[in-house]
Amino acid sequence: MAAQTWDYGWQWRAACRGEDAHLFFPPAHFERGDEKRGRERKAKAICAGCPVRMECLEYALRITEPSGGWGGLDDLERRALLRDRANRLRAIG
């Protein structure tokens, strides 16, 4: 039980708590580019002022969350960050 409390403790302080989850995740139907950019812009604005933004981002990176906005980054941005981290580790060792 302690591990669950630690894993989810930061979520209680997240700025997105109580916000519309549809801002952070793509809809099941086709989303036009301008709609996607608008939705992501609103989500990122909420993330920008979040006190647990880094915890959220690290969580999404650790579990390799495949979709949605986490820690102010979308899925493509998180994948790029993971690639950059992997490349840096390869370069070191």
PDB file of N, CA and C in Angstrom:
ATOM      1  N   MET A   1       0.817  -1.205   0.000  1.00  0.00           N
ATOM      2  CA  MET A   1       0.000   0.000   0.000  1.00  0.00           C
ATOM      3  C   MET A   1       0.858   1.267   0.000  1.00  0.00           C
ATOM      4  N   ALA A   2       1.971   1.237   0.660  1.00  0.00           N
ATOM      5  CA  ALA A   2       2.831   2.415   0.723  1.00  0.00           C
ATOM      6  C   ALA A   2       3.314   2.833  -0.662  1.00  0.00           C
ATOM      7  N   ALA A   3       3.618   1.851  -1.515  1.00  0.00           N
ATOM      8  CA  ALA A   3       4.086   2.172  -2.861  1.00  0.00           C
ATOM      9  C   ALA A   3       3.002   2.901  -3.648  1.00  0.00           C
ATOM     10  N   GLN A   4       1.756   2.481  -3.510  1.00  0.00           N
ATOM     11  CA  GLN A   4       0.669   3.154  -4.213  1.00  0.00           C
ATOM     12  C   GLN A   4       0.515   4.587  -3.717  1.00  0.00           C
ATOM     13  N   THR A   5       0.627   4.798  -2.419  1.00  0.00           N
ATOM     14  CA  THR A   5       0.517   6.142  -1.869  1.00  0.00           C
ATOM     15  C   THR A   5       1.619   7.024  -2.435  1.00  0.00           C
ATOM     16  N   TRP A   6       2.845   6.493  -2.513  1.00  0.00           N
ATOM     17  CA  TRP A   6       3.958   7.271  -3.045  1.00  0.00           C
ATOM     18  C   TRP A   6       3.744   7.548  -4.526  1.00  0.00           C
ATOM     19  N   ASP A   7       3.372   6.536  -5.291  1.00  0.00           N
ATOM     20  CA  ASP A   7       3.201   6.709  -6.734  1.00  0.00           C
ATOM     21  C   ASP A   7       2.131   7.736  -7.083  1.00  0.00           C
ATOM     22  N   TYR A   8       1.078   7.786  -6.327  1.00  0.00           N
ATOM     23  CA  TYR A   8      -0.037   8.647  -6.683  1.00  0.00           C
ATOM     24  C   TYR A   8      -0.163   9.882  -5.806  1.00  0.00           C
ATOM     25  N   GLY A   9       0.734  10.068  -4.862  1.00  0.00           N
ATOM     26  CA  GLY A   9       0.651  11.216  -3.969  1.00  0.00           C
ATOM     27  C   GLY A   9       0.716  12.553  -4.687  1.00  0.00           C
ATOM     28  N   TRP A  10       1.586  12.656  -5.686  1.00  0.00           N
ATOM     29  CA  TRP A  10       1.738  13.916  -6.408  1.00  0.00           C
ATOM     30  C   TRP A  10       0.478  14.287  -7.176  1.00  0.00           C
ATOM     31  N   GLN A  11      -0.305  13.294  -7.572  1.00  0.00           N
ATOM     32  CA  GLN A  11      -1.489  13.559  -8.390  1.00  0.00           C
ATOM     33  C   GLN A  11      -2.533  14.397  -7.654  1.00  0.00           C
ATOM     34  N   TRP A  12      -2.555  14.295  -6.355  1.00  0.00           N
ATOM     35  CA  TRP A  12      -3.523  15.063  -5.575  1.00  0.00           C
ATOM     36  C   TRP A  12      -3.221  16.558  -5.615  1.00  0.00           C
ATOM     37  N   ARG A  13      -1.968  16.918  -5.932  1.00  0.00           N
ATOM     38  CA  ARG A  13      -1.565  18.325  -5.975  1.00  0.00           C
ATOM     39  C   ARG A  13      -1.481  18.866  -7.402  1.00  0.00           C
ATOM     40  N   ALA A  14      -1.834  18.052  -8.370  1.00  0.00           N
ATOM     41  CA  ALA A  14      -1.702  18.442  -9.779  1.00  0.00           C
ATOM     42  C   ALA A  14      -2.702  19.526 -10.171  1.00  0.00           C
ATOM     43  N   ALA A  15      -2.246  20.467 -10.976  1.00  0.00           N
ATOM     44  CA  ALA A  15      -3.098  21.556 -11.451  1.00  0.00           C
ATOM     45  C   ALA A  15      -4.241  21.047 -12.328  1.00  0.00           C
ATOM     46  N   CYS A  16      -4.053  19.888 -12.959  1.00  0.00           N
ATOM     47  CA  CYS A  16      -5.081  19.344 -13.848  1.00  0.00           C
ATOM     48  C   CYS A  16      -6.191  18.622 -13.088  1.00  0.00           C
ATOM     49  N   ARG A  17      -5.972  18.396 -11.810  1.00  0.00           N
ATOM     50  CA  ARG A  17      -6.983  17.683 -11.016  1.00  0.00           C
ATOM     51  C   ARG A  17      -8.296  18.472 -11.051  1.00  0.00           C
ATOM     52  N   GLY A  18      -9.332  17.827 -11.503  1.00  0.00           N
ATOM     53  CA  GLY A  18     -10.637  18.473 -11.599  1.00  0.00           C
ATOM     54  C   GLY A  18     -10.891  19.120 -12.962  1.00  0.00           C
ATOM     55  N   GLU A  19      -9.855  19.194 -13.788  1.00  0.00           N
ATOM     56  CA  GLU A  19     -10.031  19.742 -15.141  1.00  0.00           C
ATOM     57  C   GLU A  19     -10.624  18.662 -16.046  1.00  0.00           C
ATOM     58  N   ASP A  20     -11.081  19.079 -17.205  1.00  0.00           N
ATOM     59  CA  ASP A  20     -11.644  18.158 -18.190  1.00  0.00           C
ATOM     60  C   ASP A  20     -10.518  17.294 -18.766  1.00  0.00           C
ATOM     61  N   ALA A  21     -10.581  15.998 -18.542  1.00  0.00           N
ATOM     62  CA  ALA A  21      -9.542  15.076 -19.013  1.00  0.00           C
ATOM     63  C   ALA A  21      -9.410  15.100 -20.535  1.00  0.00           C
ATOM     64  N   HIS A  22     -10.461  15.513 -21.236  1.00  0.00           N
ATOM     65  CA  HIS A  22     -10.414  15.565 -22.700  1.00  0.00           C
ATOM     66  C   HIS A  22      -9.378  16.561 -23.216  1.00  0.00           C
ATOM     67  N   LEU A  23      -8.980  17.514 -22.362  1.00  0.00           N
ATOM     68  CA  LEU A  23      -7.932  18.450 -22.771  1.00  0.00           C
ATOM     69  C   LEU A  23      -6.589  17.743 -22.896  1.00  0.00           C
ATOM     70  N   PHE A  24      -6.379  16.718 -22.106  1.00  0.00           N
ATOM     71  CA  PHE A  24      -5.076  16.078 -22.010  1.00  0.00           C
ATOM     72  C   PHE A  24      -4.922  14.823 -22.859  1.00  0.00           C
ATOM     73  N   PHE A  25      -6.022  14.318 -23.383  1.00  0.00           N
ATOM     74  CA  PHE A  25      -5.990  13.095 -24.179  1.00  0.00           C
ATOM     75  C   PHE A  25      -6.762  13.287 -25.474  1.00  0.00           C
ATOM     76  N   PRO A  26      -6.262  12.716 -26.556  1.00  0.00           N
ATOM     77  CA  PRO A  26      -6.951  12.871 -27.839  1.00  0.00           C
ATOM     78  C   PRO A  26      -8.306  12.154 -27.834  1.00  0.00           C
ATOM     79  N   PRO A  27      -9.252  12.677 -28.586  1.00  0.00           N
ATOM     80  CA  PRO A  27     -10.570  12.039 -28.657  1.00  0.00           C
ATOM     81  C   PRO A  27     -10.503  10.730 -29.434  1.00  0.00           C
ATOM     82  N   ALA A  28     -11.529   9.925 -29.305  1.00  0.00           N
ATOM     83  CA  ALA A  28     -11.600   8.653 -30.020  1.00  0.00           C
ATOM     84  C   ALA A  28     -11.840   8.873 -31.514  1.00  0.00           C
ATOM     85  N   HIS A  29     -12.397  10.017 -31.875  1.00  0.00           N
ATOM     86  CA  HIS A  29     -12.658  10.322 -33.285  1.00  0.00           C
ATOM     87  C   HIS A  29     -11.506  11.148 -33.867  1.00  0.00           C
ATOM     88  N   PHE A  30     -11.513  11.317 -35.183  1.00  0.00           N
ATOM     89  CA  PHE A  30     -10.484  12.112 -35.857  1.00  0.00           C
ATOM     90  C   PHE A  30     -10.493  13.538 -35.321  1.00  0.00           C
ATOM     91  N   GLU A  31      -9.316  14.054 -35.074  1.00  0.00           N
ATOM     92  CA  GLU A  31      -9.167  15.419 -34.574  1.00  0.00           C
ATOM     93  C   GLU A  31      -8.356  16.218 -35.598  1.00  0.00           C
ATOM     94  N   ARG A  32      -8.949  17.277 -36.115  1.00  0.00           N
ATOM     95  CA  ARG A  32      -8.231  18.129 -37.074  1.00  0.00           C
ATOM     96  C   ARG A  32      -7.018  18.761 -36.403  1.00  0.00           C
ATOM     97  N   GLY A  33      -6.030  19.111 -37.198  1.00  0.00           N
ATOM     98  CA  GLY A  33      -4.789  19.673 -36.680  1.00  0.00           C
ATOM     99  C   GLY A  33      -4.982  20.913 -35.830  1.00  0.00           C
ATOM    100  N   ASP A  34      -5.839  21.839 -36.281  1.00  0.00           N
ATOM    101  CA  ASP A  34      -6.065  23.057 -35.506  1.00  0.00           C
ATOM    102  C   ASP A  34      -6.785  22.759 -34.194  1.00  0.00           C
ATOM    103  N   GLU A  35      -7.672  21.767 -34.187  1.00  0.00           N
ATOM    104  CA  GLU A  35      -8.347  21.364 -32.954  1.00  0.00           C
ATOM    105  C   GLU A  35      -7.344  20.768 -31.972  1.00  0.00           C
ATOM    106  N   LYS A  36      -6.454  19.911 -32.499  1.00  0.00           N
ATOM    107  CA  LYS A  36      -5.439  19.278 -31.659  1.00  0.00           C
ATOM    108  C   LYS A  36      -4.517  20.328 -31.044  1.00  0.00           C
ATOM    109  N   ARG A  37      -4.056  21.252 -31.860  1.00  0.00           N
ATOM    110  CA  ARG A  37      -3.159  22.299 -31.355  1.00  0.00           C
ATOM    111  C   ARG A  37      -3.842  23.140 -30.290  1.00  0.00           C
ATOM    112  N   GLY A  38      -5.109  23.473 -30.501  1.00  0.00           N
ATOM    113  CA  GLY A  38      -5.861  24.256 -29.517  1.00  0.00           C
ATOM    114  C   GLY A  38      -6.033  23.508 -28.204  1.00  0.00           C
ATOM    115  N   ARG A  39      -6.386  22.232 -28.310  1.00  0.00           N
ATOM    116  CA  ARG A  39      -6.560  21.405 -27.111  1.00  0.00           C
ATOM    117  C   ARG A  39      -5.243  21.286 -26.349  1.00  0.00           C
ATOM    118  N   GLU A  40      -4.173  20.997 -27.077  1.00  0.00           N
ATOM    119  CA  GLU A  40      -2.867  20.842 -26.432  1.00  0.00           C
ATOM    120  C   GLU A  40      -2.374  22.154 -25.839  1.00  0.00           C
ATOM    121  N   ARG A  41      -2.662  23.267 -26.491  1.00  0.00           N
ATOM    122  CA  ARG A  41      -2.261  24.576 -25.966  1.00  0.00           C
ATOM    123  C   ARG A  41      -2.930  24.843 -24.616  1.00  0.00           C
ATOM    124  N   LYS A  42      -4.225  24.509 -24.522  1.00  0.00           N
ATOM    125  CA  LYS A  42      -4.946  24.698 -23.255  1.00  0.00           C
ATOM    126  C   LYS A  42      -4.371  23.789 -22.168  1.00  0.00           C
ATOM    127  N   ALA A  43      -4.098  22.548 -22.521  1.00  0.00           N
ATOM    128  CA  ALA A  43      -3.539  21.603 -21.550  1.00  0.00           C
ATOM    129  C   ALA A  43      -2.169  22.065 -21.071  1.00  0.00           C
ATOM    130  N   LYS A  44      -1.330  22.496 -22.003  1.00  0.00           N
ATOM    131  CA  LYS A  44       0.019  22.939 -21.638  1.00  0.00           C
ATOM    132  C   LYS A  44      -0.011  24.188 -20.773  1.00  0.00           C
ATOM    133  N   ALA A  45      -1.014  25.044 -20.971  1.00  0.00           N
ATOM    134  CA  ALA A  45      -1.155  26.236 -20.127  1.00  0.00           C
ATOM    135  C   ALA A  45      -1.444  25.834 -18.679  1.00  0.00           C
ATOM    136  N   ILE A  46      -2.251  24.798 -18.514  1.00  0.00           N
ATOM    137  CA  ILE A  46      -2.536  24.299 -17.161  1.00  0.00           C
ATOM    138  C   ILE A  46      -1.266  23.697 -16.565  1.00  0.00           C
ATOM    139  N   CYS A  47      -0.565  22.915 -17.358  1.00  0.00           N
ATOM    140  CA  CYS A  47       0.675  22.276 -16.886  1.00  0.00           C
ATOM    141  C   CYS A  47       1.746  23.301 -16.517  1.00  0.00           C
ATOM    142  N   ALA A  48       1.784  24.407 -17.220  1.00  0.00           N
ATOM    143  CA  ALA A  48       2.843  25.402 -17.016  1.00  0.00           C
ATOM    144  C   ALA A  48       2.890  25.896 -15.575  1.00  0.00           C
ATOM    145  N   GLY A  49       1.750  25.998 -14.934  1.00  0.00           N
ATOM    146  CA  GLY A  49       1.715  26.485 -13.556  1.00  0.00           C
ATOM    147  C   GLY A  49       1.569  25.389 -12.517  1.00  0.00           C
ATOM    148  N   CYS A  50       1.762  24.160 -12.918  1.00  0.00           N
ATOM    149  CA  CYS A  50       1.529  23.022 -12.021  1.00  0.00           C
ATOM    150  C   CYS A  50       2.703  22.831 -11.058  1.00  0.00           C
ATOM    151  N   PRO A  51       2.407  22.673  -9.764  1.00  0.00           N
ATOM    152  CA  PRO A  51       3.477  22.482  -8.786  1.00  0.00           C
ATOM    153  C   PRO A  51       4.142  21.105  -8.858  1.00  0.00           C
ATOM    154  N   VAL A  52       3.522  20.156  -9.538  1.00  0.00           N
ATOM    155  CA  VAL A  52       4.094  18.799  -9.619  1.00  0.00           C
ATOM    156  C   VAL A  52       4.369  18.397 -11.063  1.00  0.00           C
ATOM    157  N   ARG A  53       4.647  19.374 -11.888  1.00  0.00           N
ATOM    158  CA  ARG A  53       4.873  19.124 -13.310  1.00  0.00           C
ATOM    159  C   ARG A  53       6.000  18.112 -13.539  1.00  0.00           C
ATOM    160  N   MET A  54       7.101  18.274 -12.857  1.00  0.00           N
ATOM    161  CA  MET A  54       8.245  17.383 -13.068  1.00  0.00           C
ATOM    162  C   MET A  54       7.941  15.961 -12.589  1.00  0.00           C
ATOM    163  N   GLU A  55       7.241  15.819 -11.475  1.00  0.00           N
ATOM    164  CA  GLU A  55       6.858  14.490 -10.999  1.00  0.00           C
ATOM    165  C   GLU A  55       5.960  13.799 -12.013  1.00  0.00           C
ATOM    166  N   CYS A  56       5.043  14.559 -12.575  1.00  0.00           N
ATOM    167  CA  CYS A  56       4.114  14.033 -13.579  1.00  0.00           C
ATOM    168  C   CYS A  56       4.880  13.575 -14.822  1.00  0.00           C
ATOM    169  N   LEU A  57       5.790  14.415 -15.284  1.00  0.00           N
ATOM    170  CA  LEU A  57       6.571  14.073 -16.463  1.00  0.00           C
ATOM    171  C   LEU A  57       7.437  12.847 -16.213  1.00  0.00           C
ATOM    172  N   GLU A  58       8.116  12.799 -15.090  1.00  0.00           N
ATOM    173  CA  GLU A  58       8.970  11.648 -14.786  1.00  0.00           C
ATOM    174  C   GLU A  58       8.153  10.362 -14.672  1.00  0.00           C
ATOM    175  N   TYR A  59       6.953  10.462 -14.114  1.00  0.00           N
ATOM    176  CA  TYR A  59       6.068   9.299 -14.027  1.00  0.00           C
ATOM    177  C   TYR A  59       5.724   8.799 -15.425  1.00  0.00           C
ATOM    178  N   ALA A  60       5.317   9.714 -16.307  1.00  0.00           N
ATOM    179  CA  ALA A  60       4.945   9.325 -17.677  1.00  0.00           C
ATOM    180  C   ALA A  60       6.135   8.727 -18.417  1.00  0.00           C
ATOM    181  N   LEU A  61       7.322   9.262 -18.194  1.00  0.00           N
ATOM    182  CA  LEU A  61       8.521   8.717 -18.841  1.00  0.00           C
ATOM    183  C   LEU A  61       8.854   7.343 -18.284  1.00  0.00           C
ATOM    184  N   ARG A  62       8.728   7.187 -16.971  1.00  0.00           N
ATOM    185  CA  ARG A  62       9.067   5.913 -16.330  1.00  0.00           C
ATOM    186  C   ARG A  62       8.170   4.774 -16.803  1.00  0.00           C
ATOM    187  N   ILE A  63       6.885   5.070 -16.979  1.00  0.00           N
ATOM    188  CA  ILE A  63       5.960   4.006 -17.403  1.00  0.00           C
ATOM    189  C   ILE A  63       5.779   3.990 -18.922  1.00  0.00           C
ATOM    190  N   THR A  64       6.503   4.855 -19.608  1.00  0.00           N
ATOM    191  CA  THR A  64       6.393   5.050 -21.056  1.00  0.00           C
ATOM    192  C   THR A  64       4.930   5.188 -21.492  1.00  0.00           C
ATOM    193  N   GLU A  65       4.266   6.149 -20.883  1.00  0.00           N
ATOM    194  CA  GLU A  65       2.865   6.448 -21.196  1.00  0.00           C
ATOM    195  C   GLU A  65       2.746   6.763 -22.690  1.00  0.00           C
ATOM    196  N   PRO A  66       1.901   6.036 -23.420  1.00  0.00           N
ATOM    197  CA  PRO A  66       1.845   6.186 -24.871  1.00  0.00           C
ATOM    198  C   PRO A  66       1.027   7.373 -25.386  1.00  0.00           C
ATOM    199  N   SER A  67       0.171   7.947 -24.573  1.00  0.00           N
ATOM    200  CA  SER A  67      -0.670   9.020 -25.118  1.00  0.00           C
ATOM    201  C   SER A  67      -0.972  10.078 -24.073  1.00  0.00           C
ATOM    202  N   GLY A  68      -1.464  11.182 -24.564  1.00  0.00           N
ATOM    203  CA  GLY A  68      -1.903  12.250 -23.689  1.00  0.00           C
ATOM    204  C   GLY A  68      -0.814  13.226 -23.306  1.00  0.00           C
ATOM    205  N   GLY A  69      -1.248  14.289 -22.653  1.00  0.00           N
ATOM    206  CA  GLY A  69      -0.342  15.304 -22.149  1.00  0.00           C
ATOM    207  C   GLY A  69       0.032  15.002 -20.711  1.00  0.00           C
ATOM    208  N   TRP A  70       1.310  14.922 -20.452  1.00  0.00           N
ATOM    209  CA  TRP A  70       1.828  14.635 -19.113  1.00  0.00           C
ATOM    210  C   TRP A  70       3.013  15.550 -18.857  1.00  0.00           C
ATOM    211  N   GLY A  71       2.994  16.260 -17.748  1.00  0.00           N
ATOM    212  CA  GLY A  71       4.123  17.112 -17.407  1.00  0.00           C
ATOM    213  C   GLY A  71       4.402  18.205 -18.412  1.00  0.00           C
ATOM    214  N   GLY A  72       3.392  18.611 -19.140  1.00  0.00           N
ATOM    215  CA  GLY A  72       3.546  19.679 -20.107  1.00  0.00           C
ATOM    216  C   GLY A  72       4.046  19.237 -21.471  1.00  0.00           C
ATOM    217  N   LEU A  73       4.229  17.942 -21.667  1.00  0.00           N
ATOM    218  CA  LEU A  73       4.686  17.437 -22.962  1.00  0.00           C
ATOM    219  C   LEU A  73       3.654  16.481 -23.550  1.00  0.00           C
ATOM    220  N   ASP A  74       3.534  16.504 -24.872  1.00  0.00           N
ATOM    221  CA  ASP A  74       2.647  15.545 -25.532  1.00  0.00           C
ATOM    222  C   ASP A  74       3.416  14.248 -25.795  1.00  0.00           C
ATOM    223  N   ASP A  75       2.764  13.273 -26.377  1.00  0.00           N
ATOM    224  CA  ASP A  75       3.385  11.961 -26.583  1.00  0.00           C
ATOM    225  C   ASP A  75       4.613  12.030 -27.488  1.00  0.00           C
ATOM    226  N   LEU A  76       4.572  12.829 -28.528  1.00  0.00           N
ATOM    227  CA  LEU A  76       5.725  12.942 -29.428  1.00  0.00           C
ATOM    228  C   LEU A  76       6.912  13.604 -28.724  1.00  0.00           C
ATOM    229  N   GLU A  77       6.630  14.617 -27.929  1.00  0.00           N
ATOM    230  CA  GLU A  77       7.697  15.301 -27.191  1.00  0.00           C
ATOM    231  C   GLU A  77       8.330  14.382 -26.145  1.00  0.00           C
ATOM    232  N   ARG A  78       7.513  13.559 -25.505  1.00  0.00           N
ATOM    233  CA  ARG A  78       8.057  12.616 -24.512  1.00  0.00           C
ATOM    234  C   ARG A  78       8.922  11.556 -25.185  1.00  0.00           C
ATOM    235  N   ARG A  79       8.475  11.056 -26.331  1.00  0.00           N
ATOM    236  CA  ARG A  79       9.287  10.069 -27.059  1.00  0.00           C
ATOM    237  C   ARG A  79      10.630  10.651 -27.463  1.00  0.00           C
ATOM    238  N   ALA A  80      10.616  11.884 -27.915  1.00  0.00           N
ATOM    239  CA  ALA A  80      11.868  12.552 -28.298  1.00  0.00           C
ATOM    240  C   ALA A  80      12.783  12.711 -27.087  1.00  0.00           C
ATOM    241  N   LEU A  81      12.217  13.055 -25.948  1.00  0.00           N
ATOM    242  CA  LEU A  81      13.001  13.190 -24.724  1.00  0.00           C
ATOM    243  C   LEU A  81      13.614  11.855 -24.310  1.00  0.00           C
ATOM    244  N   LEU A  82      12.837  10.789 -24.400  1.00  0.00           N
ATOM    245  CA  LEU A  82      13.361   9.456 -24.069  1.00  0.00           C
ATOM    246  C   LEU A  82      14.476   9.057 -25.031  1.00  0.00           C
ATOM    247  N   ARG A  83      14.328   9.358 -26.321  1.00  0.00           N
ATOM    248  CA  ARG A  83      15.392   9.074 -27.300  1.00  0.00           C
ATOM    249  C   ARG A  83      16.658   9.840 -26.974  1.00  0.00           C
ATOM    250  N   ASP A  84      16.492  11.130 -26.627  1.00  0.00           N
ATOM    251  CA  ASP A  84      17.655  11.956 -26.287  1.00  0.00           C
ATOM    252  C   ASP A  84      18.374  11.404 -25.061  1.00  0.00           C
ATOM    253  N   ARG A  85      17.614  11.002 -24.062  1.00  0.00           N
ATOM    254  CA  ARG A  85      18.214  10.428 -22.852  1.00  0.00           C
ATOM    255  C   ARG A  85      18.979   9.155 -23.198  1.00  0.00           C
ATOM    256  N   ALA A  86      18.372   8.299 -24.006  1.00  0.00           N
ATOM    257  CA  ALA A  86      19.022   7.042 -24.396  1.00  0.00           C
ATOM    258  C   ALA A  86      20.303   7.303 -25.190  1.00  0.00           C
ATOM    259  N   ASN A  87      20.262   8.276 -26.082  1.00  0.00           N
ATOM    260  CA  ASN A  87      21.456   8.613 -26.864  1.00  0.00           C
ATOM    261  C   ASN A  87      22.567   9.152 -25.981  1.00  0.00           C
ATOM    262  N   ARG A  88      22.214   9.961 -24.994  1.00  0.00           N
ATOM    263  CA  ARG A  88      23.233  10.488 -24.068  1.00  0.00           C
ATOM    264  C   ARG A  88      23.853   9.356 -23.260  1.00  0.00           C
ATOM    265  N   LEU A  89      23.035   8.414 -22.812  1.00  0.00           N
ATOM    266  CA  LEU A  89      23.564   7.278 -22.052  1.00  0.00           C
ATOM    267  C   LEU A  89      24.478   6.428 -22.905  1.00  0.00           C
ATOM    268  N   ARG A  90      24.114   6.216 -24.168  1.00  0.00           N
ATOM    269  CA  ARG A  90      24.964   5.458 -25.077  1.00  0.00           C
ATOM    270  C   ARG A  90      26.304   6.138 -25.290  1.00  0.00           C
ATOM    271  N   ALA A  91      26.268   7.452 -25.390  1.00  0.00           N
ATOM    272  CA  ALA A  91      27.483   8.226 -25.622  1.00  0.00           C
ATOM    273  C   ALA A  91      28.426   8.159 -24.411  1.00  0.00           C
ATOM    274  N   ILE A  92      27.857   8.060 -23.222  1.00  0.00           N
ATOM    275  CA  ILE A  92      28.663   7.984 -22.000  1.00  0.00           C
ATOM    276  C   ILE A  92      29.299   6.596 -21.837  1.00  0.00           C
ATOM    277  N   GLY A  93      28.502   5.590 -22.099  1.00  0.00           N
ATOM    278  CA  GLY A  93      28.973   4.253 -21.761  1.00  0.00           C
ATOM    279  C   GLY A  93      29.141   3.374 -22.896  1.00  0.00           C
TER     280      GLY A  93
END
